Protein backbone atom coordinates (compact mmCIF):
# COMPACT_ATOMS: atom_id res chain seq x y z
CA UNK A 1 14.67 261.92 157.38
CA UNK A 2 18.44 261.52 157.42
CA UNK A 3 20.75 262.94 154.78
CA UNK A 4 21.32 260.58 151.88
CA UNK A 5 24.64 258.76 151.61
CA UNK A 6 25.73 258.24 148.01
CA UNK A 7 29.49 257.87 148.28
CA UNK A 8 31.86 256.75 150.99
CA UNK A 9 35.62 256.64 151.29
CA UNK A 10 37.54 254.97 154.11
CA UNK A 11 41.21 255.66 153.37
CA UNK A 12 42.42 253.12 155.93
CA UNK A 13 40.95 250.27 153.87
CA UNK A 14 41.00 249.59 150.13
CA UNK A 15 37.73 249.62 148.23
CA UNK A 16 37.32 246.11 146.88
CA UNK A 17 34.18 246.84 144.87
CA UNK A 18 31.87 249.75 144.18
CA UNK A 19 28.54 248.40 142.94
CA UNK A 20 25.26 249.98 142.00
CA UNK A 21 24.34 250.28 145.67
CA UNK A 22 27.09 248.81 147.88
CA UNK A 23 30.65 249.77 148.68
CA UNK A 24 32.80 246.83 149.75
CA UNK A 25 35.98 247.44 151.73
CA UNK A 26 38.72 244.93 152.47
CA UNK A 27 39.39 244.73 156.21
CA UNK A 28 41.99 242.00 155.79
CA UNK A 29 40.39 239.06 157.56
CA UNK A 30 36.87 240.14 156.59
CA UNK A 31 34.91 242.52 154.36
CA UNK A 32 32.93 245.65 155.20
CA UNK A 33 29.65 245.94 153.29
CA UNK A 34 28.13 249.43 153.20
CA UNK A 35 24.72 249.98 151.56
CA UNK A 36 24.44 253.50 150.18
CA UNK A 37 21.22 255.30 149.27
CA UNK A 38 21.87 254.97 145.56
CA UNK A 39 19.11 253.39 143.51
CA UNK A 40 19.39 251.76 140.10
CA UNK A 41 16.88 250.86 137.44
CA UNK A 42 17.25 249.40 133.98
CA UNK A 43 20.97 248.88 134.65
CA UNK A 44 21.63 252.56 135.38
CA UNK A 45 22.38 254.27 138.67
CA UNK A 46 19.93 257.13 139.02
CA UNK A 47 21.26 260.60 139.92
CA UNK A 48 18.70 260.97 142.73
CA UNK A 49 19.21 258.91 145.92
CA UNK A 50 16.50 257.57 148.23
CA UNK A 51 17.29 258.70 151.81
CA UNK A 52 17.49 255.84 154.34
CA UNK A 53 17.35 253.21 151.59
CA UNK A 54 20.74 251.75 152.50
CA UNK A 55 19.71 251.39 156.13
CA UNK A 56 16.54 249.57 155.08
CA UNK A 57 18.50 247.15 152.89
CA UNK A 58 20.99 246.40 155.66
CA UNK A 59 18.47 246.05 158.48
CA UNK A 60 16.23 243.82 156.38
CA UNK A 61 19.16 241.62 155.38
CA UNK A 62 20.21 241.32 159.04
CA UNK A 63 16.69 240.21 159.94
CA UNK A 64 16.61 237.55 157.24
CA UNK A 65 20.13 236.30 157.97
CA UNK A 66 18.98 235.57 161.51
CA UNK A 67 15.57 234.22 160.52
CA UNK A 68 16.96 231.84 157.91
CA UNK A 69 20.18 230.79 159.66
CA UNK A 70 18.93 227.25 160.27
CA UNK A 71 18.44 226.67 156.54
CA UNK A 72 21.97 227.59 155.45
CA UNK A 73 24.97 229.39 156.99
CA UNK A 74 25.46 233.05 156.03
CA UNK A 75 28.43 235.39 155.87
CA UNK A 76 27.34 237.88 158.56
CA UNK A 77 29.79 238.55 161.40
CA UNK A 78 28.68 241.78 163.11
CA UNK A 79 26.91 245.09 162.57
CA UNK A 80 28.94 246.72 165.36
CA UNK A 81 31.61 247.72 162.89
CA UNK A 82 33.47 250.21 165.10
CA UNK A 83 33.91 247.57 167.80
CA UNK A 84 35.15 245.09 165.20
CA UNK A 85 37.87 247.44 164.00
CA UNK A 86 38.82 250.67 165.85
CA UNK A 87 39.88 252.35 162.58
CA UNK A 88 36.21 252.42 161.58
CA UNK A 89 35.17 254.47 164.64
CA UNK A 90 35.62 257.90 162.93
CA UNK A 91 33.05 256.83 160.34
CA UNK A 92 30.47 255.60 162.84
CA UNK A 93 27.84 258.20 161.97
CA UNK A 94 28.01 257.44 158.23
CA UNK A 95 28.05 253.70 158.79
CA UNK A 96 25.32 253.53 161.44
CA UNK A 97 22.60 251.10 160.42
CA UNK A 98 23.91 250.61 156.89
CA UNK A 99 27.10 248.59 157.37
CA UNK A 100 28.04 245.07 158.35
CA UNK A 101 31.22 243.04 158.61
CA UNK A 102 31.04 239.77 156.71
CA UNK A 103 33.18 236.72 156.04
CA UNK A 104 35.17 236.50 152.86
CA UNK A 105 33.65 233.97 150.47
CA UNK A 106 34.38 232.55 147.07
CA UNK A 107 31.21 233.83 145.43
CA UNK A 108 29.58 231.46 142.95
CA UNK A 109 29.01 232.93 139.46
CA UNK A 110 25.20 232.59 139.36
CA UNK A 111 22.12 234.41 140.61
CA UNK A 112 19.69 232.01 142.26
CA UNK A 113 16.24 233.33 141.35
CA UNK A 114 13.07 231.82 142.81
CA UNK A 115 9.67 232.77 141.42
CA UNK A 116 6.39 232.06 143.18
CA UNK A 117 4.20 234.31 141.04
CA UNK A 118 4.04 235.28 137.37
CA UNK A 119 5.47 238.78 137.04
CA UNK A 120 8.02 240.91 135.22
CA UNK A 121 10.07 239.21 132.52
CA UNK A 122 8.52 235.88 133.49
CA UNK A 123 5.05 237.16 132.62
CA UNK A 124 6.33 238.58 129.33
CA UNK A 125 7.88 235.24 128.35
CA UNK A 126 4.80 233.29 129.42
CA UNK A 127 2.59 235.46 127.20
CA UNK A 128 4.84 234.73 124.21
CA UNK A 129 5.43 231.01 124.62
CA UNK A 130 3.84 229.62 127.78
CA UNK A 131 7.14 229.23 129.62
CA UNK A 132 9.23 231.01 132.25
CA UNK A 133 12.96 230.73 131.69
CA UNK A 134 12.20 227.79 129.42
CA UNK A 135 10.09 225.92 131.99
CA UNK A 136 6.65 225.00 130.69
CA UNK A 137 3.78 226.26 132.84
CA UNK A 138 0.04 225.46 132.79
CA UNK A 139 -2.08 227.32 130.25
CA UNK A 140 -4.50 230.02 131.34
CA UNK A 141 -2.38 231.79 133.96
CA UNK A 142 -2.82 235.52 134.31
CA UNK A 143 -0.41 238.28 135.23
CA UNK A 144 0.52 237.94 138.92
CA UNK A 145 -0.98 234.44 139.15
CA UNK A 146 0.49 232.21 141.83
CA UNK A 147 2.52 229.42 140.26
CA UNK A 148 1.60 225.81 141.11
CA UNK A 149 4.89 225.63 143.05
CA UNK A 150 7.91 227.94 143.29
CA UNK A 151 10.31 227.55 140.39
CA UNK A 152 14.08 227.99 140.32
CA UNK A 153 15.34 230.08 137.40
CA UNK A 154 19.07 230.79 137.64
CA UNK A 155 20.87 233.51 135.75
CA UNK A 156 24.40 234.66 135.12
CA UNK A 157 25.95 237.44 137.20
CA UNK A 158 26.72 240.18 134.72
CA UNK A 159 29.51 242.60 135.62
CA UNK A 160 27.66 245.19 133.54
CA UNK A 161 24.38 245.14 131.66
CA UNK A 162 21.69 242.52 132.08
CA UNK A 163 21.96 239.19 133.84
CA UNK A 164 21.14 236.40 131.38
CA UNK A 165 18.77 233.55 132.26
CA UNK A 166 20.41 230.14 132.01
CA UNK A 167 19.16 226.58 132.25
CA UNK A 168 19.83 224.32 135.21
CA UNK A 169 22.18 222.32 133.00
CA UNK A 170 24.13 225.46 132.11
CA UNK A 171 24.38 226.33 135.80
CA UNK A 172 25.61 222.82 136.59
CA UNK A 173 28.31 223.25 133.96
CA UNK A 174 29.47 226.38 135.79
CA UNK A 175 29.39 225.13 139.39
CA UNK A 176 29.15 221.33 139.20
CA UNK A 177 26.17 219.01 139.47
CA UNK A 178 26.22 218.60 143.24
CA UNK A 179 26.55 222.32 143.95
CA UNK A 180 23.85 223.14 141.39
CA UNK A 181 21.41 220.80 143.09
CA UNK A 182 22.24 222.24 146.49
CA UNK A 183 21.76 225.79 145.21
CA UNK A 184 18.36 224.95 143.74
CA UNK A 185 17.09 223.09 146.78
CA UNK A 186 18.43 225.63 149.26
CA UNK A 187 17.05 228.60 147.31
CA UNK A 188 13.55 227.13 147.14
CA UNK A 189 13.65 226.23 150.83
CA UNK A 190 14.71 229.78 151.74
CA UNK A 191 11.94 231.25 149.59
CA UNK A 192 9.22 229.01 151.04
CA UNK A 193 10.25 229.80 154.61
CA UNK A 194 10.50 233.54 153.97
CA UNK A 195 7.22 233.59 152.05
CA UNK A 196 5.40 231.91 154.94
CA UNK A 197 6.68 234.55 157.36
CA UNK A 198 5.92 237.43 155.00
CA UNK A 199 2.32 236.30 154.53
CA UNK A 200 1.76 236.56 158.29
CA UNK A 201 2.90 240.18 157.97
CA UNK A 202 0.67 241.05 155.04
CA UNK A 203 3.30 240.79 152.30
CA UNK A 204 3.53 238.46 149.29
CA UNK A 205 7.07 237.77 148.10
CA UNK A 206 6.43 237.31 144.40
CA UNK A 207 10.04 236.48 143.57
CA UNK A 208 13.54 237.03 144.86
CA UNK A 209 17.16 236.26 144.13
CA UNK A 210 19.87 234.82 146.35
CA UNK A 211 23.63 234.75 146.05
CA UNK A 212 25.88 232.10 147.53
CA UNK A 213 29.56 231.54 148.06
CA UNK A 214 31.89 229.05 149.64
CA UNK A 215 33.48 229.75 153.03
CA UNK A 216 36.03 227.08 153.89
CA UNK A 217 34.20 224.79 151.48
CA UNK A 218 30.78 225.36 153.07
CA UNK A 219 27.89 226.70 151.00
CA UNK A 220 27.09 230.13 152.46
CA UNK A 221 24.38 232.72 151.84
CA UNK A 222 26.00 236.06 150.94
CA UNK A 223 25.28 239.63 149.79
CA UNK A 224 21.81 241.01 150.56
CA UNK A 225 18.80 238.85 151.32
CA UNK A 226 15.10 239.39 150.55
CA UNK A 227 15.21 243.17 150.31
CA UNK A 228 13.06 245.49 148.18
CA UNK A 229 16.03 245.74 145.81
CA UNK A 230 16.29 241.98 145.25
CA UNK A 231 12.64 240.96 145.54
CA UNK A 232 9.11 241.83 144.53
CA UNK A 233 7.03 242.61 147.64
CA UNK A 234 3.28 242.95 147.15
CA UNK A 235 0.71 244.03 149.77
CA UNK A 236 -1.38 240.89 150.37
CA UNK A 237 -4.57 242.82 151.09
CA UNK A 238 -4.46 244.40 147.61
CA UNK A 239 -3.52 241.26 145.69
CA UNK A 240 -5.62 240.90 142.53
CA UNK A 241 -4.37 238.56 139.77
CA UNK A 242 -4.82 239.68 136.20
CA UNK A 243 -3.00 242.99 136.49
CA UNK A 244 0.20 244.61 137.73
CA UNK A 245 0.33 244.74 141.52
CA UNK A 246 1.10 247.62 143.87
CA UNK A 247 4.41 246.96 145.57
CA UNK A 248 6.77 247.87 148.38
CA UNK A 249 9.84 247.55 146.16
CA UNK A 250 11.43 249.76 143.51
CA UNK A 251 8.79 248.94 140.92
CA UNK A 252 7.34 252.37 141.72
CA UNK A 253 10.55 253.94 140.38
CA UNK A 254 10.57 251.70 137.31
CA UNK A 255 6.95 252.63 136.59
CA UNK A 256 7.77 256.34 136.79
CA UNK A 257 10.77 255.96 134.48
CA UNK A 258 8.67 254.08 131.92
CA UNK A 259 6.40 257.11 131.65
CA UNK A 260 9.19 259.71 131.75
CA UNK A 261 10.25 259.44 128.12
CA UNK A 262 13.68 258.10 129.07
CA UNK A 263 15.08 255.67 126.49
CA UNK A 264 16.83 253.54 129.18
CA UNK A 265 20.24 254.66 127.94
CA UNK A 266 22.58 256.42 130.39
CA UNK A 267 22.44 258.96 131.84
CA UNK A 268 19.23 258.31 133.74
CA UNK A 269 16.96 261.26 134.56
CA UNK A 270 16.54 262.66 138.08
CA UNK A 271 13.55 261.56 140.14
CA UNK A 272 10.87 264.04 141.26
CA UNK A 273 10.59 264.67 145.00
CA UNK A 274 7.22 262.91 145.14
CA UNK A 275 8.68 259.71 143.63
CA UNK A 276 11.59 259.83 146.09
CA UNK A 277 9.24 260.29 149.05
CA UNK A 278 6.89 257.49 147.98
CA UNK A 279 9.76 255.08 147.30
CA UNK A 280 11.34 255.83 150.67
CA UNK A 281 7.97 255.28 152.37
CA UNK A 282 7.51 251.95 150.57
CA UNK A 283 10.91 250.68 151.69
CA UNK A 284 10.39 251.78 155.28
CA UNK A 285 6.93 250.21 155.40
CA UNK A 286 8.23 246.89 154.11
CA UNK A 287 10.95 246.91 156.78
CA UNK A 288 8.46 247.72 159.53
CA UNK A 289 5.99 245.05 158.47
CA UNK A 290 8.51 242.26 158.02
CA UNK A 291 10.71 242.85 161.05
CA UNK A 292 8.43 244.25 163.77
CA UNK A 293 8.14 241.97 166.82
CA UNK A 294 4.75 240.49 167.61
């Protein structure tokens, strides 16, 4: 197990953004994305990191960028960051496996969520009113039921706090009708293609979220893609509708926090060693299953 990386400073380049997990540095003509081992839940960064988590997120995103490149262009340039810019060479050990150079993009102000199964907030809404993000679904579905077809449920991109679900019409008002339609169609196509691959590897992708931007006017897939941080990954051989599912994502951390007595207000409590170890193992297993050559 490698030492966890929670913070990173590269004085030669300004920090453009420090998110819940990623540090983004401005290289001038491009950006440097670095995934740390921080983990967040319920809109709080937890004080306990998950060793190797950032490497898993980066390596999984690199796999999906390549796998899905025929569906839509993406912002990836190279993972050989020291070769891209010599000033990054002194940080090679810290950056190894967790960093990538990407194109600058005008990021669109929406999260493109695709749901193939009834889980999380979607399940809660369905129980109350038979809808998910306002979309009417058939009666009689159970928790974790497969939906008749994947549905597109966009949300805002909150700078802090919760993202807010919005309608397709609201999204179109933000990005324009043509772009909204392209985002919906592209997101569903990406999900279907990724889901088909994941099922051959024993994983169900219950839902996921994509982010897009414009690079020289071209719609481009950006940020992370189909990772355990942005998706629900369920082991297919344990799938049993009608209950919460075991998962390879950070649901294990959320479940622990829900039983910890924490009121979801900062600061978040530390994680026990056993929760850290299990979460790390889940992330590594998902990476191995999805990306291993056959």
